Every structure is written in structure tokens, then in C-alpha cells.
């Protein structure tokens, strides 16, 4: 199984990456392709509507590489910390650029290049304590993203209150996340 892991945090090796690492800690027999959005040059969607006419985004940037990775992945893991009850700006820009898939499937009624439904996981972290409803903004955005790229929303892992208790002190939480990863890929 080929898994595309999209890192949407501007800070490498911090909370979101640590949760992603725990998720994959004991998983075997998969191929991981990691993409760090803040290392890429992805322009925002301009609303030019070209993709609604021909199914192709005319913007030439690193999103072209992501389009190829979306097509070849069997599963997508999207990690993003909570920023104002949603995903980070780089994550949202990438998601907006998947309008091309939405246009192909729903405006042009073309079938996806890879009709097999992919598995999807959303991993999110937050510094402050949140209620379950606090993640709703991100959930809605991620749900539409997964739908656009022909991916089911199979699992969600959210860890909050990290400003007050670091992940290193939450061994039980990290073990639960590792267990979820094993269960997801078994």
C-alpha cells in the first residue's frame, strides 16, 4: 500500500509531526511518501474557472507533483494543527487547488483517473483545550477535500491542550495513536 502523508504544519518535528510519527510507528509493509506543504511552492486558486471547462488547472507550480501523488496513493494522511478552528493556510491553499478534481467529477462529469476509493486519515493538534465542536471547521474542510480527491474519511485523530501538556508527557495518548495506526493498516 502506498500512503501519501501531507504535513500541513509550518513547524517540522513538532506536535503534528509527532502524532503522525506515532501513528506510523509500528506499521509495516507500506510505502510512505511524505510531503511538507511549507517546503513547496503552491499558489492559491485564482477562481479562473479553467478547470471547470477543461479539467486542468493552468497554474504551473508544485501542485502538479501533488496531483500525481494523489493519483497513485492508496491512502492519504493529512496532518494539520488547528489554526482558528480550521487547517493551516498552506493546507487550505492545497485543498483549494483540488478544485480541479471537483470540476472533473461534478462539473464535467468525468470519472477520476483512479476510480478506486482511497482511504483517508485526518490528524490534527491544538495548543489549547478544545471541545469536540472546536474541530468542526477543520472537519468540514477536510471532508470536502477527501471527497474531491476520491478518498473516504475513515479516521480522525485529534490531540489538544498541547500548550499545557507536551506529547512527551502523554505516553498513553501516543500508545493509543500507535495502536490506531496498526489497526488502520492491518
N, C-alpha and C. Protein backbone atom coordinates (compact mmCIF):
# COMPACT_ATOMS: atom_id res chain seq x y z
N UNK A 1 0.85 -1.18 0.00
CA UNK A 1 0.00 0.00 0.00
C UNK A 1 0.89 1.24 0.00
N UNK A 2 0.54 2.19 -0.85
CA UNK A 2 1.27 3.45 -0.92
C UNK A 2 0.46 4.53 -0.20
N UNK A 3 1.10 5.18 0.77
CA UNK A 3 0.42 6.17 1.60
C UNK A 3 1.07 7.54 1.40
N UNK A 4 0.28 8.51 1.02
CA UNK A 4 0.74 9.89 0.91
C UNK A 4 0.46 10.58 2.24
N UNK A 5 1.52 11.09 2.86
CA UNK A 5 1.40 11.79 4.13
C UNK A 5 1.66 13.27 3.86
N UNK A 6 0.64 14.08 4.08
CA UNK A 6 0.73 15.51 3.83
C UNK A 6 0.89 16.21 5.17
N UNK A 7 2.03 16.86 5.34
CA UNK A 7 2.32 17.59 6.57
C UNK A 7 1.95 19.06 6.35
N UNK A 8 0.94 19.52 7.07
CA UNK A 8 0.45 20.88 6.90
C UNK A 8 0.89 21.85 7.97
N UNK A 9 1.83 21.44 8.80
CA UNK A 9 2.31 22.34 9.86
C UNK A 9 3.54 23.12 9.38
N UNK A 10 3.64 24.39 9.74
CA UNK A 10 4.84 25.14 9.39
C UNK A 10 6.05 24.75 10.25
N UNK A 11 5.81 23.98 11.30
CA UNK A 11 6.90 23.61 12.21
C UNK A 11 7.16 22.11 12.14
N UNK A 12 8.28 21.75 11.54
CA UNK A 12 8.64 20.34 11.41
C UNK A 12 9.03 19.75 12.77
N UNK A 13 8.70 18.48 12.91
CA UNK A 13 9.06 17.70 14.09
C UNK A 13 8.43 18.21 15.38
N UNK A 14 7.37 18.96 15.27
CA UNK A 14 6.65 19.43 16.46
C UNK A 14 5.39 18.59 16.63
N UNK A 15 4.38 19.10 17.29
CA UNK A 15 3.24 18.31 17.71
C UNK A 15 2.58 17.49 16.60
N UNK A 16 2.23 18.12 15.50
CA UNK A 16 1.52 17.39 14.44
C UNK A 16 2.40 16.29 13.87
N UNK A 17 3.65 16.59 13.60
CA UNK A 17 4.57 15.57 13.08
C UNK A 17 4.78 14.45 14.10
N UNK A 18 4.81 14.78 15.37
CA UNK A 18 4.99 13.75 16.40
C UNK A 18 3.79 12.81 16.45
N UNK A 19 2.59 13.34 16.27
CA UNK A 19 1.41 12.48 16.23
C UNK A 19 1.44 11.61 14.97
N UNK A 20 1.81 12.20 13.84
CA UNK A 20 1.93 11.43 12.60
C UNK A 20 2.95 10.31 12.79
N UNK A 21 4.09 10.62 13.37
CA UNK A 21 5.13 9.61 13.59
C UNK A 21 4.62 8.49 14.50
N UNK A 22 3.88 8.84 15.55
CA UNK A 22 3.31 7.82 16.44
C UNK A 22 2.32 6.93 15.69
N UNK A 23 1.55 7.53 14.80
CA UNK A 23 0.56 6.78 14.02
C UNK A 23 1.23 5.69 13.16
N UNK A 24 2.39 6.01 12.61
CA UNK A 24 3.09 5.07 11.73
C UNK A 24 4.17 4.26 12.44
N UNK A 25 4.36 4.47 13.72
CA UNK A 25 5.49 3.91 14.46
C UNK A 25 5.69 2.41 14.25
N UNK A 26 4.64 1.63 14.30
CA UNK A 26 4.79 0.18 14.20
C UNK A 26 4.15 -0.41 12.95
N UNK A 27 3.75 0.45 12.02
CA UNK A 27 3.12 -0.03 10.80
C UNK A 27 4.20 -0.56 9.86
N UNK A 28 3.94 -1.72 9.29
CA UNK A 28 4.90 -2.36 8.38
C UNK A 28 4.25 -2.55 7.01
N UNK A 29 5.09 -2.81 6.04
CA UNK A 29 4.65 -3.20 4.69
C UNK A 29 3.83 -2.14 3.97
N UNK A 30 4.17 -0.88 4.17
CA UNK A 30 3.57 0.19 3.39
C UNK A 30 4.68 1.09 2.88
N UNK A 31 4.39 1.81 1.83
CA UNK A 31 5.33 2.79 1.27
C UNK A 31 4.81 4.17 1.63
N UNK A 32 5.65 4.93 2.33
CA UNK A 32 5.25 6.27 2.75
C UNK A 32 5.90 7.32 1.85
N UNK A 33 5.10 8.24 1.39
CA UNK A 33 5.57 9.40 0.63
C UNK A 33 5.20 10.63 1.46
N UNK A 34 6.20 11.31 2.02
CA UNK A 34 5.96 12.48 2.86
C UNK A 34 6.09 13.76 2.04
N UNK A 35 5.13 14.65 2.22
CA UNK A 35 5.15 15.95 1.57
C UNK A 35 4.95 17.01 2.64
N UNK A 36 5.85 17.97 2.70
CA UNK A 36 5.76 19.08 3.64
C UNK A 36 5.30 20.32 2.87
N UNK A 37 4.06 20.72 3.11
CA UNK A 37 3.47 21.80 2.32
C UNK A 37 4.26 23.10 2.40
N UNK A 38 4.85 23.38 3.55
CA UNK A 38 5.58 24.65 3.69
C UNK A 38 6.92 24.63 2.96
N UNK A 39 7.32 23.48 2.42
CA UNK A 39 8.52 23.40 1.59
C UNK A 39 8.19 23.55 0.11
N UNK A 40 6.93 23.59 -0.21
CA UNK A 40 6.50 23.63 -1.61
C UNK A 40 6.08 25.03 -2.02
N UNK A 41 6.10 25.24 -3.31
CA UNK A 41 5.60 26.49 -3.90
C UNK A 41 4.23 26.18 -4.51
N UNK A 42 3.18 26.47 -3.76
CA UNK A 42 1.82 26.24 -4.24
C UNK A 42 1.08 27.57 -4.20
N UNK A 43 0.67 28.01 -5.36
CA UNK A 43 -0.09 29.25 -5.46
C UNK A 43 -1.54 29.00 -5.08
N UNK A 44 -2.20 30.04 -4.66
CA UNK A 44 -3.61 29.92 -4.30
C UNK A 44 -4.47 29.82 -5.56
N UNK A 45 -5.64 29.25 -5.42
CA UNK A 45 -6.60 29.16 -6.52
C UNK A 45 -7.08 30.56 -6.84
N UNK A 46 -7.08 30.90 -8.11
CA UNK A 46 -7.49 32.24 -8.52
C UNK A 46 -8.96 32.31 -8.95
N UNK A 47 -9.64 31.18 -8.95
CA UNK A 47 -11.04 31.16 -9.36
C UNK A 47 -11.21 31.45 -10.84
N UNK A 48 -10.22 31.08 -11.65
CA UNK A 48 -10.26 31.37 -13.09
C UNK A 48 -11.28 30.53 -13.85
N UNK A 49 -11.73 29.45 -13.24
CA UNK A 49 -12.73 28.54 -13.79
C UNK A 49 -12.24 27.70 -14.96
N UNK A 50 -10.94 27.72 -15.26
CA UNK A 50 -10.40 26.90 -16.35
C UNK A 50 -10.64 25.42 -16.09
N UNK A 51 -10.48 24.99 -14.85
CA UNK A 51 -10.66 23.56 -14.55
C UNK A 51 -12.10 23.13 -14.77
N UNK A 52 -13.03 24.05 -14.68
CA UNK A 52 -14.43 23.74 -14.95
C UNK A 52 -14.74 23.60 -16.42
N UNK A 53 -13.82 24.07 -17.26
CA UNK A 53 -14.01 23.99 -18.71
C UNK A 53 -13.26 22.81 -19.31
N UNK A 54 -12.03 22.55 -18.78
CA UNK A 54 -11.21 21.50 -19.40
C UNK A 54 -10.65 20.48 -18.41
N UNK A 55 -10.94 20.63 -17.13
CA UNK A 55 -10.48 19.66 -16.15
C UNK A 55 -9.01 19.76 -15.80
N UNK A 56 -8.38 20.87 -16.18
CA UNK A 56 -6.94 21.05 -15.93
C UNK A 56 -6.72 22.40 -15.26
N UNK A 57 -5.88 22.39 -14.22
CA UNK A 57 -5.50 23.64 -13.58
C UNK A 57 -4.35 24.26 -14.36
N UNK A 58 -4.47 25.52 -14.80
CA UNK A 58 -3.42 26.14 -15.60
C UNK A 58 -2.22 26.64 -14.79
N UNK A 59 -2.31 26.62 -13.48
CA UNK A 59 -1.22 27.15 -12.66
C UNK A 59 -0.10 26.11 -12.60
N UNK A 60 1.08 26.51 -13.01
CA UNK A 60 2.25 25.63 -13.02
C UNK A 60 3.07 25.87 -11.76
N UNK A 61 3.00 24.93 -10.82
CA UNK A 61 3.77 25.03 -9.59
C UNK A 61 3.91 23.63 -8.99
N UNK A 62 4.26 23.54 -7.73
CA UNK A 62 4.48 22.24 -7.10
C UNK A 62 3.19 21.44 -6.90
N UNK A 63 2.06 22.06 -7.12
CA UNK A 63 0.80 21.32 -7.01
C UNK A 63 0.73 20.22 -8.07
N UNK A 64 1.41 20.42 -9.19
CA UNK A 64 1.43 19.40 -10.24
C UNK A 64 1.97 18.08 -9.70
N UNK A 65 3.00 18.17 -8.84
CA UNK A 65 3.56 16.97 -8.21
C UNK A 65 2.54 16.34 -7.28
N UNK A 66 1.84 17.15 -6.52
CA UNK A 66 0.82 16.62 -5.62
C UNK A 66 -0.31 15.94 -6.39
N UNK A 67 -0.71 16.50 -7.53
CA UNK A 67 -1.75 15.85 -8.33
C UNK A 67 -1.33 14.42 -8.68
N UNK A 68 -0.07 14.26 -9.08
CA UNK A 68 0.45 12.92 -9.42
C UNK A 68 0.43 12.01 -8.20
N UNK A 69 0.81 12.54 -7.05
CA UNK A 69 0.82 11.73 -5.83
C UNK A 69 -0.59 11.33 -5.40
N UNK A 70 -1.56 12.22 -5.56
CA UNK A 70 -2.95 11.89 -5.26
C UNK A 70 -3.41 10.71 -6.12
N UNK A 71 -3.00 10.72 -7.37
CA UNK A 71 -3.45 9.69 -8.32
C UNK A 71 -2.88 8.32 -7.97
N UNK A 72 -1.67 8.26 -7.45
CA UNK A 72 -1.01 6.97 -7.23
C UNK A 72 -1.13 6.45 -5.80
N UNK A 73 -1.63 7.24 -4.89
CA UNK A 73 -1.73 6.82 -3.48
C UNK A 73 -2.94 5.91 -3.28
N UNK A 74 -2.78 4.99 -2.34
CA UNK A 74 -3.89 4.14 -1.91
C UNK A 74 -4.56 4.72 -0.67
N UNK A 75 -3.82 5.55 0.06
CA UNK A 75 -4.34 6.19 1.26
C UNK A 75 -3.71 7.57 1.39
N UNK A 76 -4.46 8.49 1.98
CA UNK A 76 -3.98 9.85 2.21
C UNK A 76 -4.09 10.14 3.70
N UNK A 77 -2.99 10.58 4.30
CA UNK A 77 -3.00 11.03 5.69
C UNK A 77 -2.69 12.52 5.66
N UNK A 78 -3.62 13.31 6.13
CA UNK A 78 -3.46 14.76 6.17
C UNK A 78 -3.28 15.19 7.62
N UNK A 79 -2.16 15.84 7.90
CA UNK A 79 -1.90 16.36 9.24
C UNK A 79 -1.82 17.87 9.23
N UNK A 80 -2.57 18.50 10.12
CA UNK A 80 -2.54 19.95 10.24
C UNK A 80 -2.90 20.36 11.66
N UNK A 81 -2.14 21.28 12.23
CA UNK A 81 -2.58 21.84 13.51
C UNK A 81 -3.81 22.72 13.29
N UNK A 82 -4.51 22.96 14.36
CA UNK A 82 -5.68 23.84 14.31
C UNK A 82 -5.21 25.29 14.31
N UNK A 83 -5.66 26.04 13.34
CA UNK A 83 -5.44 27.49 13.28
C UNK A 83 -6.82 28.12 13.13
N UNK A 84 -7.26 28.84 14.13
CA UNK A 84 -8.57 29.48 14.10
C UNK A 84 -9.67 28.47 13.75
N UNK A 85 -9.63 27.32 14.41
CA UNK A 85 -10.61 26.24 14.26
C UNK A 85 -10.68 25.65 12.86
N UNK A 86 -9.57 25.72 12.14
CA UNK A 86 -9.50 25.08 10.84
C UNK A 86 -8.06 24.64 10.59
N UNK A 87 -7.78 24.25 9.36
CA UNK A 87 -6.44 23.83 8.98
C UNK A 87 -5.56 25.06 8.73
N UNK A 88 -4.26 24.84 8.62
CA UNK A 88 -3.33 25.94 8.36
C UNK A 88 -3.56 26.53 6.97
N UNK A 89 -3.02 27.71 6.74
CA UNK A 89 -3.22 28.38 5.45
C UNK A 89 -2.60 27.58 4.31
N UNK A 90 -1.43 27.00 4.50
CA UNK A 90 -0.81 26.20 3.44
C UNK A 90 -1.67 24.98 3.11
N UNK A 91 -2.25 24.39 4.14
CA UNK A 91 -3.13 23.24 3.91
C UNK A 91 -4.37 23.67 3.14
N UNK A 92 -4.93 24.79 3.51
CA UNK A 92 -6.14 25.28 2.83
C UNK A 92 -5.85 25.65 1.38
N UNK A 93 -4.70 26.25 1.12
CA UNK A 93 -4.33 26.58 -0.27
C UNK A 93 -4.24 25.30 -1.10
N UNK A 94 -3.61 24.26 -0.55
CA UNK A 94 -3.51 22.98 -1.26
C UNK A 94 -4.90 22.40 -1.49
N UNK A 95 -5.74 22.45 -0.48
CA UNK A 95 -7.10 21.93 -0.62
C UNK A 95 -7.87 22.69 -1.69
N UNK A 96 -7.77 24.01 -1.69
CA UNK A 96 -8.47 24.81 -2.70
C UNK A 96 -8.06 24.42 -4.11
N UNK A 97 -6.80 24.05 -4.27
CA UNK A 97 -6.31 23.68 -5.61
C UNK A 97 -6.80 22.30 -6.05
N UNK A 98 -7.46 21.56 -5.18
CA UNK A 98 -8.06 20.30 -5.63
C UNK A 98 -9.42 20.55 -6.28
N UNK A 99 -9.76 21.81 -6.46
CA UNK A 99 -10.96 22.17 -7.22
C UNK A 99 -10.96 21.49 -8.58
N UNK A 100 -9.78 21.26 -9.12
CA UNK A 100 -9.67 20.60 -10.43
C UNK A 100 -10.34 19.22 -10.40
N UNK A 101 -10.19 18.48 -9.31
CA UNK A 101 -10.84 17.17 -9.19
C UNK A 101 -12.35 17.32 -9.05
N UNK A 102 -12.75 18.28 -8.26
CA UNK A 102 -14.17 18.55 -8.09
C UNK A 102 -14.79 18.89 -9.44
N UNK A 103 -14.11 19.74 -10.19
CA UNK A 103 -14.61 20.12 -11.52
C UNK A 103 -14.73 18.93 -12.44
N UNK A 104 -13.72 18.07 -12.45
CA UNK A 104 -13.75 16.88 -13.31
C UNK A 104 -14.91 15.97 -12.94
N UNK A 105 -15.10 15.74 -11.65
CA UNK A 105 -16.10 14.77 -11.21
C UNK A 105 -17.52 15.31 -11.26
N UNK A 106 -17.70 16.57 -10.90
CA UNK A 106 -19.06 17.06 -10.72
C UNK A 106 -19.50 18.09 -11.75
N UNK A 107 -18.57 18.83 -12.34
CA UNK A 107 -18.95 19.81 -13.35
C UNK A 107 -18.85 19.20 -14.75
N UNK A 108 -17.75 18.48 -14.99
CA UNK A 108 -17.53 17.89 -16.30
C UNK A 108 -18.00 16.44 -16.37
N UNK A 109 -18.34 15.88 -15.22
CA UNK A 109 -18.82 14.51 -15.11
C UNK A 109 -17.85 13.49 -15.70
N UNK A 110 -16.55 13.76 -15.54
CA UNK A 110 -15.53 12.78 -15.92
C UNK A 110 -15.29 11.88 -14.73
N UNK A 111 -14.91 10.68 -15.00
CA UNK A 111 -14.53 9.79 -13.91
C UNK A 111 -13.11 10.13 -13.49
N UNK A 112 -12.82 9.86 -12.23
CA UNK A 112 -11.47 10.06 -11.72
C UNK A 112 -10.52 9.14 -12.48
N UNK A 113 -9.28 9.58 -12.64
CA UNK A 113 -8.29 8.77 -13.32
C UNK A 113 -8.07 7.45 -12.59
N UNK A 114 -8.24 7.47 -11.27
CA UNK A 114 -8.09 6.26 -10.46
C UNK A 114 -9.40 6.06 -9.72
N UNK A 115 -10.31 5.25 -10.26
CA UNK A 115 -11.64 5.16 -9.67
C UNK A 115 -11.68 4.49 -8.30
N UNK A 116 -10.66 3.73 -7.93
CA UNK A 116 -10.65 3.07 -6.63
C UNK A 116 -10.64 4.12 -5.52
N UNK A 117 -11.56 3.96 -4.58
CA UNK A 117 -11.66 4.88 -3.46
C UNK A 117 -10.45 4.70 -2.54
N UNK A 118 -9.80 5.80 -2.21
CA UNK A 118 -8.65 5.78 -1.30
C UNK A 118 -9.14 5.90 0.14
N UNK A 119 -8.28 5.45 1.06
CA UNK A 119 -8.58 5.59 2.49
C UNK A 119 -8.02 6.92 2.97
N UNK A 120 -8.72 7.59 3.89
CA UNK A 120 -8.29 8.89 4.38
C UNK A 120 -8.23 8.98 5.88
N UNK A 121 -7.19 9.67 6.36
CA UNK A 121 -7.00 9.91 7.79
C UNK A 121 -6.69 11.39 7.97
N UNK A 122 -7.34 12.00 8.95
CA UNK A 122 -7.04 13.39 9.31
C UNK A 122 -6.47 13.40 10.71
N UNK A 123 -5.29 14.00 10.84
CA UNK A 123 -4.62 14.14 12.13
C UNK A 123 -4.49 15.62 12.43
N UNK A 124 -4.97 16.03 13.60
CA UNK A 124 -4.92 17.44 13.96
C UNK A 124 -4.48 17.61 15.40
N UNK A 125 -3.80 18.70 15.66
CA UNK A 125 -3.35 19.03 17.01
C UNK A 125 -3.75 20.47 17.32
N UNK A 126 -3.83 20.73 18.62
CA UNK A 126 -4.17 22.09 19.05
C UNK A 126 -3.45 22.39 20.36
N UNK A 127 -3.02 23.61 20.50
CA UNK A 127 -2.32 24.02 21.71
C UNK A 127 -3.23 24.16 22.90
N UNK A 128 -4.41 24.69 22.69
CA UNK A 128 -5.32 24.91 23.80
C UNK A 128 -6.35 23.79 23.86
N UNK A 129 -7.05 23.74 24.97
CA UNK A 129 -8.09 22.74 25.15
C UNK A 129 -9.30 23.13 24.31
N UNK A 130 -9.82 22.18 23.58
CA UNK A 130 -10.96 22.41 22.70
C UNK A 130 -12.11 21.49 23.08
N UNK A 131 -13.29 21.90 22.71
CA UNK A 131 -14.42 20.99 22.79
C UNK A 131 -14.46 20.21 21.48
N UNK A 132 -15.26 19.20 21.45
CA UNK A 132 -15.40 18.41 20.22
C UNK A 132 -15.84 19.30 19.05
N UNK A 133 -16.70 20.27 19.33
CA UNK A 133 -17.21 21.16 18.29
C UNK A 133 -16.13 22.09 17.73
N UNK A 134 -15.06 22.30 18.48
CA UNK A 134 -13.99 23.21 18.04
C UNK A 134 -13.31 22.74 16.77
N UNK A 135 -13.37 21.45 16.49
CA UNK A 135 -12.71 20.90 15.30
C UNK A 135 -13.64 20.85 14.09
N UNK A 136 -14.88 21.30 14.25
CA UNK A 136 -15.87 21.20 13.18
C UNK A 136 -15.47 21.95 11.91
N UNK A 137 -14.87 23.12 12.05
CA UNK A 137 -14.44 23.88 10.86
C UNK A 137 -13.45 23.07 10.04
N UNK A 138 -12.47 22.50 10.71
CA UNK A 138 -11.47 21.69 10.02
C UNK A 138 -12.10 20.43 9.44
N UNK A 139 -12.97 19.80 10.19
CA UNK A 139 -13.62 18.56 9.71
C UNK A 139 -14.37 18.81 8.40
N UNK A 140 -15.09 19.90 8.33
CA UNK A 140 -15.86 20.19 7.11
C UNK A 140 -14.94 20.39 5.91
N UNK A 141 -13.87 21.15 6.12
CA UNK A 141 -12.92 21.40 5.03
C UNK A 141 -12.25 20.10 4.59
N UNK A 142 -11.81 19.30 5.56
CA UNK A 142 -11.13 18.05 5.24
C UNK A 142 -12.09 17.06 4.58
N UNK A 143 -13.34 17.03 5.03
CA UNK A 143 -14.32 16.15 4.44
C UNK A 143 -14.53 16.45 2.95
N UNK A 144 -14.64 17.71 2.62
CA UNK A 144 -14.81 18.10 1.21
C UNK A 144 -13.55 17.81 0.41
N UNK A 145 -12.38 18.05 1.02
CA UNK A 145 -11.10 17.73 0.37
C UNK A 145 -11.05 16.24 0.02
N UNK A 146 -11.33 15.39 1.01
CA UNK A 146 -11.29 13.95 0.75
C UNK A 146 -12.29 13.56 -0.33
N UNK A 147 -13.47 14.13 -0.29
CA UNK A 147 -14.48 13.81 -1.32
C UNK A 147 -13.97 14.21 -2.71
N UNK A 148 -13.35 15.38 -2.80
CA UNK A 148 -12.86 15.85 -4.10
C UNK A 148 -11.81 14.91 -4.68
N UNK A 149 -10.93 14.38 -3.83
CA UNK A 149 -9.84 13.53 -4.34
C UNK A 149 -10.19 12.04 -4.25
N UNK A 150 -11.48 11.72 -4.15
CA UNK A 150 -11.97 10.35 -4.15
C UNK A 150 -11.39 9.53 -3.01
N UNK A 151 -11.49 10.10 -1.82
CA UNK A 151 -10.92 9.48 -0.62
C UNK A 151 -12.00 9.43 0.46
N UNK A 152 -12.13 8.29 1.11
CA UNK A 152 -13.08 8.18 2.21
C UNK A 152 -12.46 8.79 3.46
N UNK A 153 -13.29 9.31 4.32
CA UNK A 153 -12.85 9.93 5.59
C UNK A 153 -12.99 8.84 6.64
N UNK A 154 -11.96 8.01 6.79
CA UNK A 154 -12.05 6.81 7.60
C UNK A 154 -11.67 6.98 9.06
N UNK A 155 -10.77 7.89 9.34
CA UNK A 155 -10.26 8.00 10.70
C UNK A 155 -9.83 9.43 10.98
N UNK A 156 -10.05 9.84 12.21
CA UNK A 156 -9.64 11.17 12.65
C UNK A 156 -8.95 11.03 14.00
N UNK A 157 -7.82 11.69 14.13
CA UNK A 157 -7.10 11.71 15.40
C UNK A 157 -6.88 13.18 15.74
N UNK A 158 -7.41 13.60 16.87
CA UNK A 158 -7.21 14.97 17.33
C UNK A 158 -6.63 14.94 18.74
N UNK A 159 -5.61 15.75 18.93
CA UNK A 159 -4.96 15.87 20.24
C UNK A 159 -4.89 17.36 20.56
N UNK A 160 -5.48 17.74 21.68
CA UNK A 160 -5.48 19.15 22.05
C UNK A 160 -4.78 19.38 23.38
N UNK A 161 -4.80 20.62 23.83
CA UNK A 161 -4.22 21.04 25.11
C UNK A 161 -2.70 20.84 25.17
N UNK A 162 -2.06 20.92 24.03
CA UNK A 162 -0.62 20.65 23.98
C UNK A 162 0.24 21.82 24.47
N UNK A 163 -0.34 22.99 24.65
CA UNK A 163 0.41 24.09 25.25
C UNK A 163 0.65 23.84 26.74
N UNK A 164 -0.19 23.02 27.34
CA UNK A 164 -0.11 22.79 28.78
C UNK A 164 0.48 21.43 29.15
N UNK A 165 0.40 20.48 28.21
CA UNK A 165 0.97 19.17 28.48
C UNK A 165 1.55 18.63 27.17
N UNK A 166 2.89 18.60 27.08
CA UNK A 166 3.54 18.18 25.85
C UNK A 166 3.28 16.71 25.56
N UNK A 167 3.41 16.36 24.31
CA UNK A 167 3.19 14.97 23.90
C UNK A 167 4.15 14.01 24.59
N UNK A 168 5.36 14.45 24.87
CA UNK A 168 6.33 13.59 25.53
C UNK A 168 5.82 13.10 26.89
N UNK A 169 4.94 13.87 27.51
CA UNK A 169 4.36 13.51 28.80
C UNK A 169 3.04 12.75 28.67
N UNK A 170 2.65 12.46 27.46
CA UNK A 170 1.37 11.79 27.22
C UNK A 170 1.61 10.41 26.59
N UNK A 171 2.34 9.58 27.28
CA UNK A 171 2.70 8.26 26.75
C UNK A 171 1.46 7.42 26.41
N UNK A 172 0.45 7.50 27.24
CA UNK A 172 -0.76 6.72 26.97
C UNK A 172 -1.43 7.18 25.67
N UNK A 173 -1.49 8.48 25.46
CA UNK A 173 -2.06 9.02 24.22
C UNK A 173 -1.26 8.56 23.02
N UNK A 174 0.06 8.65 23.10
CA UNK A 174 0.92 8.22 21.99
C UNK A 174 0.75 6.73 21.71
N UNK A 175 0.62 5.93 22.74
CA UNK A 175 0.41 4.49 22.55
C UNK A 175 -0.94 4.22 21.89
N UNK A 176 -1.96 4.96 22.26
CA UNK A 176 -3.27 4.82 21.62
C UNK A 176 -3.19 5.16 20.14
N UNK A 177 -2.44 6.20 19.81
CA UNK A 177 -2.29 6.61 18.41
C UNK A 177 -1.54 5.53 17.63
N UNK A 178 -0.48 4.98 18.22
CA UNK A 178 0.27 3.90 17.56
C UNK A 178 -0.65 2.70 17.33
N UNK A 179 -1.48 2.39 18.30
CA UNK A 179 -2.42 1.28 18.18
C UNK A 179 -3.43 1.54 17.05
N UNK A 180 -3.90 2.78 16.93
CA UNK A 180 -4.82 3.14 15.85
C UNK A 180 -4.17 2.96 14.48
N UNK A 181 -2.89 3.32 14.38
CA UNK A 181 -2.17 3.13 13.12
C UNK A 181 -2.07 1.66 12.75
N UNK A 182 -1.73 0.84 13.72
CA UNK A 182 -1.66 -0.61 13.46
C UNK A 182 -3.01 -1.14 13.02
N UNK A 183 -4.07 -0.74 13.70
CA UNK A 183 -5.40 -1.20 13.35
C UNK A 183 -5.84 -0.72 11.98
N UNK A 184 -5.50 0.49 11.64
CA UNK A 184 -5.91 1.06 10.37
C UNK A 184 -5.28 0.35 9.18
N UNK A 185 -4.02 -0.02 9.32
CA UNK A 185 -3.29 -0.62 8.21
C UNK A 185 -3.20 -2.14 8.26
N UNK A 186 -3.90 -2.77 9.20
CA UNK A 186 -3.84 -4.24 9.25
C UNK A 186 -4.89 -4.87 8.38
